[in-house]
C-alpha atoms as a PDB file:
ATOM      1  CA  MET A   1       0.000   0.000   0.000  1.00  0.00           C
ATOM      2  CA  THR A   2       1.434   3.361  -0.978  1.00  0.00           C
ATOM      3  CA  ARG A   3       1.796   6.258   1.449  1.00  0.00           C
ATOM      4  CA  GLU A   4      -0.882   8.187  -0.464  1.00  0.00           C
ATOM      5  CA  GLN A   5      -3.316   5.263  -0.142  1.00  0.00           C
ATOM      6  CA  LYS A   6      -2.602   5.059   3.602  1.00  0.00           C
ATOM      7  CA  LYS A   7      -3.387   8.774   3.974  1.00  0.00           C
ATOM      8  CA  ASN A   8      -6.818   8.289   2.431  1.00  0.00           C
ATOM      9  CA  ILE A   9      -8.052   5.250   4.362  1.00  0.00           C
ATOM     10  CA  LYS A  10     -10.255   5.487   7.385  1.00  0.00           C
ATOM     11  CA  LYS A  11      -7.912   5.153  10.317  1.00  0.00           C
ATOM     12  CA  LYS A  12      -9.267   2.181  12.259  1.00  0.00           C
ATOM     13  CA  PHE A  13      -6.765  -0.252  13.696  1.00  0.00           C
ATOM     14  CA  VAL A  14      -6.478  -3.621  15.361  1.00  0.00           C
ATOM     15  CA  ALA A  15      -3.375  -4.060  17.526  1.00  0.00           C
ATOM     16  CA  ASP A  16      -2.066  -7.520  18.309  1.00  0.00           C
ATOM     17  CA  ARG A  17      -1.500  -8.723  21.865  1.00  0.00           C
ATOM     18  CA  ASN A  18       2.070  -7.417  21.889  1.00  0.00           C
ATOM     19  CA  LEU A  19       0.956  -3.808  21.288  1.00  0.00           C
ATOM     20  CA  GLY A  20      -1.366  -3.014  24.198  1.00  0.00           C
ATOM     21  CA  LYS A  21       0.432   0.179  25.219  1.00  0.00           C
ATOM     22  CA  LEU A  22       0.483   1.382  21.613  1.00  0.00           C
ATOM     23  CA  CYS A  23      -3.257   0.712  21.437  1.00  0.00           C
ATOM     24  CA  ARG A  24      -3.831   2.958  24.474  1.00  0.00           C
ATOM     25  CA  LEU A  25      -1.698   5.733  22.937  1.00  0.00           C
ATOM     26  CA  LEU A  26      -3.715   5.557  19.714  1.00  0.00           C
ATOM     27  CA  ARG A  27      -6.958   5.743  21.693  1.00  0.00           C
ATOM     28  CA  MET A  28      -5.524   8.760  23.516  1.00  0.00           C
ATOM     29  CA  MET A  29      -5.156  10.330  20.058  1.00  0.00           C
ATOM     30  CA  GLY A  30      -8.848   9.624  19.462  1.00  0.00           C
ATOM     31  CA  LEU A  31      -8.174   6.803  17.021  1.00  0.00           C
ATOM     32  CA  ASP A  32     -10.362   3.712  16.863  1.00  0.00           C
ATOM     33  CA  CYS A  33      -8.033   0.897  17.913  1.00  0.00           C
ATOM     34  CA  VAL A  34      -9.188  -2.544  18.975  1.00  0.00           C
ATOM     35  CA  PHE A  35      -6.847  -4.575  21.163  1.00  0.00           C
ATOM     36  CA  ALA A  36      -6.747  -8.180  19.977  1.00  0.00           C
ATOM     37  CA  ARG A  37      -5.676 -10.675  22.575  1.00  0.00           C
ATOM     38  CA  THR A  38      -3.957 -12.650  19.863  1.00  0.00           C
ATOM     39  CA  SER A  39      -0.993 -12.325  17.557  1.00  0.00           C
ATOM     40  CA  VAL A  40      -2.025 -15.192  15.273  1.00  0.00           C
ATOM     41  CA  PRO A  41      -2.012 -13.650  11.780  1.00  0.00           C
ATOM     42  CA  SER A  42      -5.124 -15.450  10.528  1.00  0.00           C
ATOM     43  CA  GLU A  43      -7.120 -14.319  13.581  1.00  0.00           C
ATOM     44  CA  LEU A  44      -5.919 -10.720  13.177  1.00  0.00           C
ATOM     45  CA  ILE A  45      -6.872 -10.779   9.509  1.00  0.00           C
ATOM     46  CA  GLU A  46     -10.342 -12.061  10.371  1.00  0.00           C
ATOM     47  CA  ILE A  47     -10.897  -9.163  12.797  1.00  0.00           C
ATOM     48  CA  ALA A  48      -9.461  -6.654  10.339  1.00  0.00           C
ATOM     49  CA  LYS A  49     -11.634  -7.850   7.446  1.00  0.00           C
ATOM     50  CA  GLU A  50     -14.838  -7.956   9.502  1.00  0.00           C
ATOM     51  CA  GLU A  51     -14.324  -4.431  10.851  1.00  0.00           C
ATOM     52  CA  ASN A  52     -12.367  -2.810   7.994  1.00  0.00           C
ATOM     53  CA  ARG A  53      -9.258  -2.232  10.129  1.00  0.00           C
ATOM     54  CA  VAL A  54      -5.536  -1.914   9.587  1.00  0.00           C
ATOM     55  CA  ILE A  55      -3.525  -4.560  11.422  1.00  0.00           C
ATOM     56  CA  LEU A  56      -0.725  -3.356  13.678  1.00  0.00           C
ATOM     57  CA  THR A  57       1.658  -6.152  14.555  1.00  0.00           C
ATOM     58  CA  ARG A  58       5.278  -6.963  15.280  1.00  0.00           C
ATOM     59  CA  LYS A  59       4.924 -10.352  13.540  1.00  0.00           C
ATOM     60  CA  LYS A  60       6.656 -10.348  10.185  1.00  0.00           C
ATOM     61  CA  ASN A  61       4.964 -13.554   8.996  1.00  0.00           C
ATOM     62  CA  ILE A  62       1.703 -11.702   8.315  1.00  0.00           C
ATOM     63  CA  THR A  63       3.054 -10.750   4.891  1.00  0.00           C
ATOM     64  CA  SER A  64       2.691 -14.356   3.732  1.00  0.00           C
ATOM     65  CA  LEU A  65      -1.097 -14.232   4.185  1.00  0.00           C
ATOM     66  CA  ARG A  66      -1.585 -11.513   1.559  1.00  0.00           C
ATOM     67  CA  TYR A  67      -3.648  -9.095   3.599  1.00  0.00           C
ATOM     68  CA  ALA A  68      -2.931  -5.613   2.287  1.00  0.00           C
ATOM     69  CA  ASP A  69      -3.810  -3.404   5.236  1.00  0.00           C
ATOM     70  CA  PHE A  70      -1.136  -3.923   7.860  1.00  0.00           C
ATOM     71  CA  LEU A  71       1.821  -2.193   9.406  1.00  0.00           C
ATOM     72  CA  ILE A  72       4.655  -4.171  10.911  1.00  0.00           C
ATOM     73  CA  ILE A  73       5.803  -2.214  13.943  1.00  0.00           C
ATOM     74  CA  GLN A  74       9.592  -2.189  14.195  1.00  0.00           C
ATOM     75  CA  ASP A  75      10.329  -0.532  17.530  1.00  0.00           C
ATOM     76  CA  GLU A  76       9.883  -2.125  20.954  1.00  0.00           C
ATOM     77  CA  MET A  77       9.012   1.106  22.787  1.00  0.00           C
ATOM     78  CA  PRO A  78       5.335   2.232  22.703  1.00  0.00           C
ATOM     79  CA  PHE A  79       6.243   5.925  22.253  1.00  0.00           C
ATOM     80  CA  ASN A  80       8.340   5.105  19.166  1.00  0.00           C
ATOM     81  CA  GLN A  81       5.689   2.677  17.926  1.00  0.00           C
ATOM     82  CA  ALA A  82       3.162   5.519  18.030  1.00  0.00           C
ATOM     83  CA  ILE A  83       5.529   7.651  15.971  1.00  0.00           C
ATOM     84  CA  GLU A  84       5.717   4.824  13.399  1.00  0.00           C
ATOM     85  CA  VAL A  85       1.912   4.739  13.064  1.00  0.00           C
ATOM     86  CA  VAL A  86       1.594   8.533  12.942  1.00  0.00           C
ATOM     87  CA  LYS A  87       4.233   8.739  10.204  1.00  0.00           C
ATOM     88  CA  ALA A  88       2.869   5.839   8.179  1.00  0.00           C
ATOM     89  CA  TYR A  89      -0.723   7.106   8.139  1.00  0.00           C
ATOM     90  CA  ASP A  90      -0.086  10.856   8.232  1.00  0.00           C
ATOM     91  CA  ILE A  91      -1.975  11.314  11.507  1.00  0.00           C
ATOM     92  CA  ASP A  92      -2.067  14.457  13.600  1.00  0.00           C
ATOM     93  CA  PRO A  93      -1.925  13.049  17.162  1.00  0.00           C
ATOM     94  CA  LEU A  94      -3.697  16.110  18.581  1.00  0.00           C
ATOM     95  CA  GLU A  95      -6.497  16.500  16.015  1.00  0.00           C
ATOM     96  CA  ASN A  96      -8.993  14.233  17.827  1.00  0.00           C
ATOM     97  CA  ALA A  97      -7.169  13.714  21.101  1.00  0.00           C
ATOM     98  CA  PHE A  98      -9.113  12.629  24.184  1.00  0.00           C
ATOM     99  CA  THR A  99     -12.333  11.757  22.391  1.00  0.00           C
ATOM    100  CA  ARG A 100     -12.298   7.993  23.116  1.00  0.00           C
ATOM    101  CA  CYS A 101     -12.276   5.928  26.252  1.00  0.00           C
ATOM    102  CA  ILE A 102      -8.733   4.675  26.736  1.00  0.00           C
ATOM    103  CA  GLU A 103     -10.094   1.459  28.270  1.00  0.00           C
ATOM    104  CA  CYS A 104     -13.083   0.643  26.015  1.00  0.00           C
ATOM    105  CA  ASN A 105     -12.298   2.412  22.734  1.00  0.00           C
ATOM    106  CA  VAL A 106     -15.816   3.905  22.735  1.00  0.00           C
ATOM    107  CA  PRO A 107     -16.308   7.589  21.799  1.00  0.00           C
ATOM    108  CA  LEU A 108     -16.808   9.777  24.877  1.00  0.00           C
ATOM    109  CA  ILE A 109     -19.906  11.886  25.421  1.00  0.00           C
ATOM    110  CA  GLY A 110     -20.121  15.212  27.203  1.00  0.00           C
ATOM    111  CA  VAL A 111     -22.114  15.119  30.446  1.00  0.00           C
ATOM    112  CA  LYS A 112     -23.520  17.814  32.681  1.00  0.00           C
ATOM    113  CA  LYS A 113     -21.577  18.632  35.803  1.00  0.00           C
ATOM    114  CA  GLU A 114     -24.543  17.700  37.966  1.00  0.00           C
ATOM    115  CA  ASP A 115     -24.566  14.212  36.428  1.00  0.00           C
ATOM    116  CA  VAL A 116     -21.144  13.431  37.916  1.00  0.00           C
ATOM    117  CA  ARG A 117     -21.887  14.613  41.468  1.00  0.00           C
ATOM    118  CA  GLY A 118     -20.771  11.882  43.848  1.00  0.00           C
ATOM    119  CA  LYS A 119     -18.996  10.027  41.005  1.00  0.00           C
ATOM    120  CA  VAL A 120     -15.827  12.134  41.019  1.00  0.00           C
ATOM    121  CA  PRO A 121     -13.752  13.379  43.946  1.00  0.00           C
ATOM    122  CA  SER A 122     -15.366  16.406  45.629  1.00  0.00           C
ATOM    123  CA  TYR A 123     -12.375  18.630  44.865  1.00  0.00           C
ATOM    124  CA  ILE A 124     -12.667  17.775  41.165  1.00  0.00           C
ATOM    125  CA  PHE A 125     -16.400  18.445  41.227  1.00  0.00           C
ATOM    126  CA  LYS A 126     -15.809  21.854  42.814  1.00  0.00           C
ATOM    127  CA  THR A 127     -12.964  22.920  40.534  1.00  0.00           C
ATOM    128  CA  ARG A 128     -13.952  21.512  37.123  1.00  0.00           C
ATOM    129  CA  ASP A 129     -16.900  22.351  34.901  1.00  0.00           C
ATOM    130  CA  GLU A 130     -16.447  20.082  31.875  1.00  0.00           C
ATOM    131  CA  PHE A 131     -16.809  16.307  32.090  1.00  0.00           C
ATOM    132  CA  PHE A 132     -16.942  13.440  29.614  1.00  0.00           C
ATOM    133  CA  MET A 133     -18.115   9.899  30.149  1.00  0.00           C
ATOM    134  CA  CYS A 134     -17.699   6.576  28.425  1.00  0.00           C
ATOM    135  CA  PRO A 135     -21.199   5.283  27.659  1.00  0.00           C
ATOM    136  CA  SER A 136     -19.864   1.732  27.783  1.00  0.00           C
ATOM    137  CA  CYS A 137     -17.892   1.464  31.030  1.00  0.00           C
ATOM    138  CA  GLY A 138     -19.036   4.653  32.785  1.00  0.00           C
ATOM    139  CA  ARG A 139     -15.503   5.980  33.287  1.00  0.00           C
ATOM    140  CA  ILE A 140     -15.533   9.761  33.769  1.00  0.00           C
ATOM    141  CA  TYR A 141     -12.904  12.080  32.307  1.00  0.00           C
ATOM    142  CA  TRP A 142     -12.047  15.737  33.001  1.00  0.00           C
ATOM    143  CA  ARG A 143      -9.250  18.120  32.208  1.00  0.00           C
ATOM    144  CA  GLY A 144      -6.543  18.071  34.845  1.00  0.00           C
ATOM    145  CA  THR A 145      -2.815  17.682  35.236  1.00  0.00           C
ATOM    146  CA  HIS A 146      -2.970  14.079  34.017  1.00  0.00           C
ATOM    147  CA  LYS A 147      -4.579  15.186  30.763  1.00  0.00           C
ATOM    148  CA  ASP A 148      -2.001  17.970  30.425  1.00  0.00           C
ATOM    149  CA  ASN A 149       0.750  15.367  30.837  1.00  0.00           C
ATOM    150  CA  MET A 150      -0.855  13.149  28.198  1.00  0.00           C
ATOM    151  CA  ARG A 151      -1.120  16.138  25.833  1.00  0.00           C
ATOM    152  CA  GLU A 152       2.631  16.688  26.263  1.00  0.00           C
ATOM    153  CA  ILE A 153       3.238  13.064  25.284  1.00  0.00           C
ATOM    154  CA  LEU A 154       1.097  13.512  22.154  1.00  0.00           C
ATOM    155  CA  GLU A 155       2.928  16.730  21.300  1.00  0.00           C
ATOM    156  CA  GLU A 156       6.241  14.855  21.581  1.00  0.00           C
ATOM    157  CA  ILE A 157       4.887  12.073  19.329  1.00  0.00           C
ATOM    158  CA  LYS A 158       3.839  14.714  16.793  1.00  0.00           C
ATOM    159  CA  LYS A 159       7.275  16.341  16.976  1.00  0.00           C
ATOM    160  CA  GLY A 160       9.000  12.950  16.637  1.00  0.00           C
ATOM    161  CA  SER A 161       6.913  12.078  13.587  1.00  0.00           C
ATOM    162  CA  GLN A 162       8.058  15.263  11.847  1.00  0.00           C
ATOM    163  CA  ASP A 163      11.760  14.576  12.302  1.00  0.00           C
ATOM    164  CA  PRO A 164      13.516  13.291   9.170  1.00  0.00           C
END
């Protein structure tokens, strides 16, 4: 698949069992990434075909199965793996950041402050006005220092993807 073709595909991924931390980073970027608890190429291909996803794997033997939409991840470090994906698919890591549940991969929905009363620490409830919730697992998100730290990570991934 050419770089131009990769730019134009819908960016949905399936990460094999060796890429769990990469999967979380991609979800942090707002990308749809399913974590497969397998690294068996035929099983990954089945998931990818059913859901129209790009396979992310470290297994080089996937090339023998003639599935076109895959990226073999070279690096062992999740941060560098994220840079590989961002470069390969021309992704802006900040464009849709923090729009998916990092645990479930489900798009987050905005909720009223009153709806989270008693569900978040009282200090957070008093000092924050904007909240998001995962409609699948019920996890609640808000802007705080943790999110600022994650944004810095995404900014570094973006910077790293622009280096020659």
